[in-house]
């Protein structure tokens, strides 16, 4: 809290103007740690407000992102949740008391990337859409709602159990690291399939970006296209730019502002499954 006593004018009554900032308590269950682009929090659509690092995320609070916007949320046990662009999610259950944890995330639109820390045997971490539920104890995965009404899962580490949210008698499917799973719009979980491998970047690995603005990587078997990301930070949240190409090379189509940039590439197969991303590398654009 701070106080400001402006110089009194003859026509003004004497007084003191007080302004204060209410800080979030240290012991919160979930907190925004990074936000880039149009990111909003609120109890509902009518009460959304811009999200900023340090803000707590409350039970049943709506988290919404716009185009090219992302937000990273950390839980008290160290788990991380990244909400993808053009997504809307709610944490309908949020109890984190390490080593115990019970978290349920409802993905209303778009998707998330979750890095879930291991917890006790009785702990639960679930992400759900209208038709699917992904259950884990400790792993890294992507999960989201599809425009056609189904749901898609990509497991990057560990094992995720993917099950139907509409048919309790449907058998669940275990989706291991390096595999993807789908639940159709009518609630049927399909067998897991292999994801494409992570691309090996050729260059630039560091230093200045060439005059042709060329980014290059080795071809990936089964890749139908490649998703290229460029941003101002290594987490690829600040000033992000993306491009989807079919060849293992890209000359960036528009001039990038001067300074340091980070980039990575992800292979996408014919079933629209994204594999694990490449390592993140940096380059500089001259002034």
Protein backbone atom coordinates (compact mmCIF):
# COMPACT_ATOMS: atom_id res chain seq x y z
CA UNK A 1 0.00 0.00 0.00
CA UNK A 2 1.30 3.48 -0.78
CA UNK A 3 -0.05 6.97 -0.20
CA UNK A 4 0.05 10.09 -2.34
CA UNK A 5 -0.68 13.57 -0.94
CA UNK A 6 -1.09 15.96 -3.91
CA UNK A 7 -0.56 19.67 -3.51
CA UNK A 8 -3.80 21.22 -2.30
CA UNK A 9 -5.55 23.74 -4.51
CA UNK A 10 -7.62 26.57 -3.09
CA UNK A 11 -10.82 25.04 -4.42
CA UNK A 12 -9.99 21.54 -3.10
CA UNK A 13 -10.84 20.06 0.25
CA UNK A 14 -7.79 18.83 2.15
CA UNK A 15 -7.29 15.08 2.01
CA UNK A 16 -5.08 12.14 1.10
CA UNK A 17 -5.53 9.89 -1.93
CA UNK A 18 -4.81 6.23 -1.20
CA UNK A 19 -4.00 3.56 -3.80
CA UNK A 20 -3.15 -0.07 -3.14
CA UNK A 21 -2.33 -3.29 -4.91
CA UNK A 22 -3.62 -6.52 -3.41
CA UNK A 23 -1.02 -9.24 -3.81
CA UNK A 24 -2.00 -12.89 -4.20
CA UNK A 25 -1.18 -15.05 -1.16
CA UNK A 26 1.95 -17.14 -1.47
CA UNK A 27 0.22 -20.45 -0.73
CA UNK A 28 -2.15 -20.64 -3.72
CA UNK A 29 -3.04 -23.85 -5.56
CA UNK A 30 -2.37 -22.52 -9.08
CA UNK A 31 -0.76 -19.37 -10.43
CA UNK A 32 -0.09 -17.74 -13.80
CA UNK A 33 3.68 -17.70 -14.43
CA UNK A 34 3.78 -16.51 -18.05
CA UNK A 35 1.27 -15.01 -20.47
CA UNK A 36 1.66 -13.82 -24.03
CA UNK A 37 -0.98 -12.23 -26.23
CA UNK A 38 -4.66 -11.93 -25.37
CA UNK A 39 -5.08 -14.06 -22.22
CA UNK A 40 -8.03 -13.62 -19.84
CA UNK A 41 -9.27 -14.93 -16.49
CA UNK A 42 -12.70 -14.62 -14.93
CA UNK A 43 -15.61 -16.34 -13.25
CA UNK A 44 -17.45 -16.35 -16.60
CA UNK A 45 -17.40 -14.75 -20.06
CA UNK A 46 -18.92 -11.52 -18.71
CA UNK A 47 -16.22 -10.97 -16.06
CA UNK A 48 -13.03 -11.80 -17.95
CA UNK A 49 -9.99 -9.66 -17.19
CA UNK A 50 -6.47 -9.65 -18.67
CA UNK A 51 -4.21 -12.25 -17.07
CA UNK A 52 -0.79 -11.27 -15.77
CA UNK A 53 2.07 -13.28 -14.22
CA UNK A 54 1.52 -13.81 -10.51
CA UNK A 55 -2.27 -13.95 -10.67
CA UNK A 56 -3.89 -16.91 -8.89
CA UNK A 57 -6.13 -19.25 -10.87
CA UNK A 58 -9.17 -20.25 -8.84
CA UNK A 59 -11.47 -23.27 -8.94
CA UNK A 60 -13.99 -23.01 -11.81
CA UNK A 61 -12.35 -19.84 -13.11
CA UNK A 62 -12.42 -19.55 -16.90
CA UNK A 63 -9.03 -19.28 -18.61
CA UNK A 64 -9.31 -18.06 -22.20
CA UNK A 65 -6.70 -17.36 -24.88
CA UNK A 66 -6.95 -15.54 -28.19
CA UNK A 67 -5.17 -16.19 -31.51
CA UNK A 68 -1.39 -16.69 -31.06
CA UNK A 69 -1.85 -16.30 -27.29
CA UNK A 70 -0.63 -18.71 -24.62
CA UNK A 71 -0.58 -18.85 -20.85
CA UNK A 72 1.43 -21.09 -18.53
CA UNK A 73 0.00 -22.03 -15.14
CA UNK A 74 2.01 -23.70 -12.38
CA UNK A 75 0.48 -25.77 -9.60
CA UNK A 76 1.81 -25.81 -6.07
CA UNK A 77 3.43 -29.22 -6.59
CA UNK A 78 5.48 -27.99 -9.58
CA UNK A 79 3.20 -29.33 -12.31
CA UNK A 80 2.75 -27.04 -15.32
CA UNK A 81 -0.20 -26.48 -17.67
CA UNK A 82 0.09 -24.51 -20.88
CA UNK A 83 -3.17 -23.36 -22.45
CA UNK A 84 -2.86 -23.27 -26.24
CA UNK A 85 -4.02 -20.40 -28.49
CA UNK A 86 -7.77 -20.01 -29.01
CA UNK A 87 -8.63 -22.22 -26.05
CA UNK A 88 -10.92 -22.11 -23.03
CA UNK A 89 -10.43 -24.25 -19.91
CA UNK A 90 -11.63 -24.52 -16.32
CA UNK A 91 -10.10 -26.28 -13.31
CA UNK A 92 -13.25 -27.78 -11.85
CA UNK A 93 -11.34 -29.53 -9.03
CA UNK A 94 -8.13 -28.03 -7.63
CA UNK A 95 -6.65 -29.45 -4.43
CA UNK A 96 -2.86 -29.61 -4.25
CA UNK A 97 -1.18 -30.64 -0.99
CA UNK A 98 2.02 -32.49 -2.01
CA UNK A 99 2.40 -35.42 -2.20
CA UNK A 100 -1.42 -35.56 -2.55
CA UNK A 101 -3.27 -33.93 -5.40
CA UNK A 102 -6.71 -33.92 -7.03
CA UNK A 103 -7.00 -31.85 -10.19
CA UNK A 104 -9.64 -31.93 -12.91
CA UNK A 105 -9.35 -29.67 -15.94
CA UNK A 106 -12.28 -29.20 -18.31
CA UNK A 107 -11.18 -28.29 -21.83
CA UNK A 108 -14.10 -26.37 -23.32
CA UNK A 109 -12.29 -25.44 -26.54
CA UNK A 110 -8.78 -25.77 -27.93
CA UNK A 111 -6.26 -27.68 -25.87
CA UNK A 112 -3.55 -27.85 -23.22
CA UNK A 113 -0.02 -29.14 -22.79
CA UNK A 114 0.46 -30.62 -19.31
CA UNK A 115 3.68 -31.54 -17.50
CA UNK A 116 2.38 -33.39 -14.44
CA UNK A 117 4.68 -34.23 -11.54
CA UNK A 118 4.39 -37.63 -9.92
CA UNK A 119 2.28 -37.76 -6.79
CA UNK A 120 0.90 -40.28 -4.27
CA UNK A 121 -0.97 -43.43 -5.31
CA UNK A 122 -4.28 -41.87 -4.26
CA UNK A 123 -3.74 -38.68 -6.24
CA UNK A 124 -5.68 -37.89 -9.42
CA UNK A 125 -5.04 -35.63 -12.40
CA UNK A 126 -7.65 -35.61 -15.14
CA UNK A 127 -8.26 -33.51 -18.23
CA UNK A 128 -11.60 -33.87 -19.99
CA UNK A 129 -13.63 -32.70 -22.97
CA UNK A 130 -17.26 -33.39 -23.74
CA UNK A 131 -16.42 -36.88 -25.02
CA UNK A 132 -13.08 -37.89 -23.46
CA UNK A 133 -11.14 -38.13 -20.21
CA UNK A 134 -7.33 -38.33 -19.97
CA UNK A 135 -6.08 -39.64 -16.62
CA UNK A 136 -2.45 -39.54 -15.41
CA UNK A 137 -0.38 -39.74 -12.26
CA UNK A 138 2.80 -38.14 -13.57
CA UNK A 139 3.60 -37.55 -17.24
CA UNK A 140 3.73 -35.01 -20.07
CA UNK A 141 1.00 -34.86 -22.71
CA UNK A 142 -1.08 -32.71 -25.04
CA UNK A 143 -4.86 -32.96 -24.94
CA UNK A 144 -7.69 -31.06 -26.53
CA UNK A 145 -11.10 -30.83 -28.13
CA UNK A 146 -11.38 -31.23 -31.90
CA UNK A 147 -13.57 -28.97 -34.03
CA UNK A 148 -15.41 -32.03 -35.37
CA UNK A 149 -16.51 -32.90 -31.83
CA UNK A 150 -13.95 -35.54 -30.84
CA UNK A 151 -10.83 -35.31 -28.68
CA UNK A 152 -7.14 -35.93 -29.34
CA UNK A 153 -4.27 -36.93 -27.07
CA UNK A 154 -0.51 -36.96 -27.71
CA UNK A 155 1.64 -38.55 -24.98
CA UNK A 156 5.19 -37.21 -24.77
CA UNK A 157 6.31 -38.95 -21.55
CA UNK A 158 4.91 -41.76 -19.40
CA UNK A 159 1.46 -43.28 -19.98
CA UNK A 160 -1.97 -41.64 -20.22
CA UNK A 161 -5.23 -43.56 -19.85
CA UNK A 162 -7.74 -42.28 -22.41
CA UNK A 163 -11.39 -43.14 -21.87
CA UNK A 164 -14.85 -42.18 -23.04
CA UNK A 165 -16.71 -39.52 -21.07
CA UNK A 166 -20.08 -40.53 -22.52
CA UNK A 167 -19.95 -44.35 -22.43
CA UNK A 168 -18.89 -45.76 -19.02
CA UNK A 169 -18.84 -49.31 -20.46
CA UNK A 170 -16.35 -48.48 -23.23
CA UNK A 171 -12.87 -49.92 -22.45
CA UNK A 172 -10.14 -47.31 -21.86
CA UNK A 173 -7.00 -47.16 -24.00
CA UNK A 174 -3.47 -46.79 -22.62
CA UNK A 175 -1.50 -44.29 -24.71
CA UNK A 176 2.24 -44.56 -24.01
CA UNK A 177 5.01 -42.06 -24.74
CA UNK A 178 5.40 -41.55 -28.47
CA UNK A 179 1.79 -42.48 -29.18
CA UNK A 180 -1.41 -40.60 -29.95
CA UNK A 181 -5.02 -41.44 -29.17
CA UNK A 182 -8.42 -40.29 -30.36
CA UNK A 183 -11.92 -40.39 -28.90
CA UNK A 184 -14.54 -39.92 -31.61
CA UNK A 185 -17.45 -37.51 -31.35
CA UNK A 186 -19.69 -40.43 -30.32
CA UNK A 187 -17.38 -41.33 -27.40
CA UNK A 188 -15.39 -44.26 -28.82
CA UNK A 189 -11.70 -44.49 -27.89
CA UNK A 190 -9.64 -45.71 -30.86
CA UNK A 191 -6.42 -47.76 -30.63
CA UNK A 192 -3.22 -45.77 -30.03
CA UNK A 193 -0.98 -44.96 -32.99
CA UNK A 194 2.66 -43.85 -33.28
CA UNK A 195 3.60 -40.17 -33.32
CA UNK A 196 6.24 -38.82 -35.71
CA UNK A 197 9.72 -38.39 -34.24
CA UNK A 198 11.23 -35.09 -33.10
CA UNK A 199 13.01 -33.31 -35.98
CA UNK A 200 16.78 -32.83 -35.87
CA UNK A 201 17.57 -29.19 -36.58
CA UNK A 202 20.28 -28.39 -39.15
CA UNK A 203 20.40 -24.64 -38.59
CA UNK A 204 20.56 -22.00 -37.45
CA UNK A 205 21.71 -23.39 -34.11
CA UNK A 206 23.01 -20.02 -32.89
CA UNK A 207 24.39 -16.77 -34.24
CA UNK A 208 22.99 -14.56 -36.95
CA UNK A 209 20.09 -15.55 -39.20
CA UNK A 210 21.23 -15.68 -42.81
CA UNK A 211 20.18 -13.18 -45.43
CA UNK A 212 17.70 -15.72 -46.83
CA UNK A 213 16.11 -16.17 -43.34
CA UNK A 214 16.41 -19.92 -43.87
CA UNK A 215 15.47 -22.44 -41.15
CA UNK A 216 16.34 -26.07 -41.90
CA UNK A 217 15.95 -29.51 -40.31
CA UNK A 218 16.30 -33.15 -41.31
CA UNK A 219 13.23 -34.87 -42.84
CA UNK A 220 11.13 -37.02 -40.50
CA UNK A 221 9.69 -40.36 -41.60
CA UNK A 222 5.87 -40.27 -41.80
CA UNK A 223 5.77 -36.48 -41.53
CA UNK A 224 3.18 -34.88 -43.79
CA UNK A 225 4.04 -31.35 -42.66
CA UNK A 226 6.10 -29.39 -40.14
CA UNK A 227 4.93 -26.80 -37.60
CA UNK A 228 7.57 -24.09 -37.13
CA UNK A 229 7.49 -21.71 -34.13
CA UNK A 230 9.49 -18.52 -33.62
CA UNK A 231 9.29 -16.24 -30.55
CA UNK A 232 11.24 -13.82 -28.40
CA UNK A 233 11.68 -16.24 -25.50
CA UNK A 234 12.76 -19.87 -25.10
CA UNK A 235 9.26 -20.84 -23.92
CA UNK A 236 7.90 -19.51 -27.24
CA UNK A 237 5.26 -17.33 -25.57
CA UNK A 238 6.44 -13.75 -26.21
CA UNK A 239 5.64 -12.37 -29.71
CA UNK A 240 5.06 -15.84 -31.18
CA UNK A 241 4.94 -16.51 -34.92
CA UNK A 242 4.09 -19.84 -36.54
CA UNK A 243 4.17 -21.44 -39.96
CA UNK A 244 3.11 -24.80 -41.38
CA UNK A 245 5.17 -26.17 -44.29
CA UNK A 246 5.48 -29.47 -46.14
CA UNK A 247 9.25 -29.36 -46.81
CA UNK A 248 12.05 -29.67 -44.19
CA UNK A 249 13.09 -26.06 -44.72
CA UNK A 250 11.54 -22.60 -44.51
CA UNK A 251 12.70 -19.13 -45.42
CA UNK A 252 10.75 -16.98 -42.98
CA UNK A 253 8.23 -15.10 -45.13
CA UNK A 254 8.21 -11.70 -43.42
CA UNK A 255 11.07 -9.64 -41.94
CA UNK A 256 11.64 -10.27 -38.23
CA UNK A 257 12.40 -7.28 -35.98
CA UNK A 258 15.99 -6.94 -34.84
CA UNK A 259 17.17 -8.82 -31.78
CA UNK A 260 17.32 -12.35 -30.43
CA UNK A 261 14.78 -14.99 -31.44
CA UNK A 262 14.14 -18.62 -30.46
CA UNK A 263 12.71 -21.35 -32.66
CA UNK A 264 11.73 -25.01 -32.86
CA UNK A 265 9.94 -27.33 -35.26
CA UNK A 266 7.47 -30.20 -34.77
CA UNK A 267 6.59 -32.93 -37.27
CA UNK A 268 2.91 -33.58 -38.06
CA UNK A 269 1.74 -36.85 -39.62
CA UNK A 270 -1.14 -37.54 -41.99
CA UNK A 271 -3.54 -38.10 -39.07
CA UNK A 272 -2.76 -34.58 -37.78
CA UNK A 273 -0.85 -35.93 -34.77
CA UNK A 274 1.98 -33.68 -33.59
CA UNK A 275 5.13 -35.45 -32.42
CA UNK A 276 7.57 -34.19 -29.79
CA UNK A 277 9.17 -30.87 -30.74
CA UNK A 278 12.80 -30.37 -31.63
CA UNK A 279 15.16 -28.74 -29.20
CA UNK A 280 14.84 -24.96 -28.99
CA UNK A 281 17.58 -22.98 -30.72
CA UNK A 282 18.31 -19.26 -30.97
CA UNK A 283 19.37 -16.83 -33.66
CA UNK A 284 19.80 -13.10 -33.96
CA UNK A 285 18.47 -10.65 -36.50
CA UNK A 286 20.75 -7.71 -37.22
CA UNK A 287 19.77 -4.10 -36.71
